[in-house]
Amino acid sequence: MDMRRKKAIVEAAIESEYERQALGIMNTEQALKLEDSDGLVFSHPDKEAGATDQFVDQEQLRRLVQ
């Protein structure tokens, strides 16, 4: 895993059909350790956490940082 991406900062959120509720900011290593949950998404690791509207699910995040 690329060390830069492993420590990239992402925003975690719960996404529903109607809204996205921010949960917090963490690095990708922490994000991948979270229990998978319906609607759990993360900001794209190449984008600025908290400022982007590009989100991926946990499996997509795992593929992006491996």
C-alpha atoms as a PDB file:
ATOM      1  CA  MET A   1       0.000   0.000   0.000  1.00  0.00           C
ATOM      2  CA  ASP A   2       1.327   3.434  -0.941  1.00  0.00           C
ATOM      3  CA  MET A   3       2.196   5.139   2.369  1.00  0.00           C
ATOM      4  CA  ARG A   4       0.880   8.500   1.150  1.00  0.00           C
ATOM      5  CA  ARG A   5      -2.534   7.034   0.356  1.00  0.00           C
ATOM      6  CA  LYS A   6      -2.574   4.879   3.496  1.00  0.00           C
ATOM      7  CA  LYS A   7      -2.368   8.046   5.573  1.00  0.00           C
ATOM      8  CA  ALA A   8      -4.551  10.173   3.284  1.00  0.00           C
ATOM      9  CA  ILE A   9      -7.241  12.037   5.205  1.00  0.00           C
ATOM     10  CA  VAL A  10     -10.863  11.277   4.339  1.00  0.00           C
ATOM     11  CA  GLU A  11     -14.247  12.405   5.595  1.00  0.00           C
ATOM     12  CA  ALA A  12     -16.538   9.602   6.776  1.00  0.00           C
ATOM     13  CA  ALA A  13     -20.269  10.068   6.294  1.00  0.00           C
ATOM     14  CA  ILE A  14     -23.565   8.208   6.290  1.00  0.00           C
ATOM     15  CA  GLU A  15     -25.404   8.704   3.028  1.00  0.00           C
ATOM     16  CA  SER A  16     -29.123   8.215   2.517  1.00  0.00           C
ATOM     17  CA  GLU A  17     -31.349   8.826  -0.458  1.00  0.00           C
ATOM     18  CA  TYR A  18     -31.934  12.372   0.768  1.00  0.00           C
ATOM     19  CA  GLU A  19     -28.767  13.585   2.492  1.00  0.00           C
ATOM     20  CA  ARG A  20     -25.189  12.915   3.567  1.00  0.00           C
ATOM     21  CA  GLN A  21     -24.467  13.293   7.299  1.00  0.00           C
ATOM     22  CA  ALA A  22     -20.790  13.894   8.130  1.00  0.00           C
ATOM     23  CA  LEU A  23     -19.385  11.665  10.875  1.00  0.00           C
ATOM     24  CA  GLY A  24     -15.776  12.806  11.083  1.00  0.00           C
ATOM     25  CA  ILE A  25     -12.332  13.045   9.576  1.00  0.00           C
ATOM     26  CA  MET A  26      -9.814  10.179   9.722  1.00  0.00           C
ATOM     27  CA  ASN A  27      -6.989   8.631   7.752  1.00  0.00           C
ATOM     28  CA  THR A  28      -7.713   5.852   5.259  1.00  0.00           C
ATOM     29  CA  GLU A  29      -6.171   3.204   7.511  1.00  0.00           C
ATOM     30  CA  GLN A  30      -8.692   4.073  10.248  1.00  0.00           C
ATOM     31  CA  ALA A  31     -11.543   4.259   7.724  1.00  0.00           C
ATOM     32  CA  LEU A  32     -10.879   0.736   6.496  1.00  0.00           C
ATOM     33  CA  LYS A  33     -10.992  -0.611  10.069  1.00  0.00           C
ATOM     34  CA  LEU A  34     -14.554   0.646  10.619  1.00  0.00           C
ATOM     35  CA  GLU A  35     -17.330  -1.917  10.586  1.00  0.00           C
ATOM     36  CA  ASP A  36     -18.992  -1.837   7.180  1.00  0.00           C
ATOM     37  CA  SER A  37     -22.423  -0.273   7.400  1.00  0.00           C
ATOM     38  CA  ASP A  38     -25.155   0.513   4.885  1.00  0.00           C
ATOM     39  CA  GLY A  39     -24.684   4.043   3.631  1.00  0.00           C
ATOM     40  CA  LEU A  40     -21.162   4.453   5.044  1.00  0.00           C
ATOM     41  CA  VAL A  41     -19.103   6.443   2.539  1.00  0.00           C
ATOM     42  CA  PHE A  42     -15.768   8.236   2.485  1.00  0.00           C
ATOM     43  CA  SER A  43     -14.484  11.219   0.572  1.00  0.00           C
ATOM     44  CA  HIS A  44     -12.164  10.230  -2.287  1.00  0.00           C
ATOM     45  CA  PRO A  45      -8.608   9.995  -0.857  1.00  0.00           C
ATOM     46  CA  ASP A  46      -7.182  12.135  -3.680  1.00  0.00           C
ATOM     47  CA  LYS A  47      -9.584  14.987  -2.890  1.00  0.00           C
ATOM     48  CA  GLU A  48      -9.703  17.421   0.026  1.00  0.00           C
ATOM     49  CA  ALA A  49     -11.616  15.914   2.966  1.00  0.00           C
ATOM     50  CA  GLY A  50     -14.537  18.077   3.995  1.00  0.00           C
ATOM     51  CA  ALA A  51     -14.472  20.055   0.750  1.00  0.00           C
ATOM     52  CA  THR A  52     -15.295  17.488  -1.942  1.00  0.00           C
ATOM     53  CA  ASP A  53     -18.565  15.953  -3.070  1.00  0.00           C
ATOM     54  CA  GLN A  54     -16.804  12.888  -4.500  1.00  0.00           C
ATOM     55  CA  PHE A  55     -17.466   9.949  -2.146  1.00  0.00           C
ATOM     56  CA  VAL A  56     -16.766   6.209  -2.390  1.00  0.00           C
ATOM     57  CA  ASP A  57     -17.911   3.211  -0.360  1.00  0.00           C
ATOM     58  CA  GLN A  58     -15.555   1.204   1.839  1.00  0.00           C
ATOM     59  CA  GLU A  59     -14.788  -1.430  -0.813  1.00  0.00           C
ATOM     60  CA  GLN A  60     -13.960   1.249  -3.398  1.00  0.00           C
ATOM     61  CA  LEU A  61     -11.754   3.006  -0.834  1.00  0.00           C
ATOM     62  CA  ARG A  62      -9.927  -0.266  -0.143  1.00  0.00           C
ATOM     63  CA  ARG A  63      -9.192  -0.694  -3.868  1.00  0.00           C
ATOM     64  CA  LEU A  64      -8.021   2.908  -4.206  1.00  0.00           C
ATOM     65  CA  VAL A  65      -5.443   2.663  -1.423  1.00  0.00           C
ATOM     66  CA  GLN A  66      -4.051  -0.816  -2.150  1.00  0.00           C
END
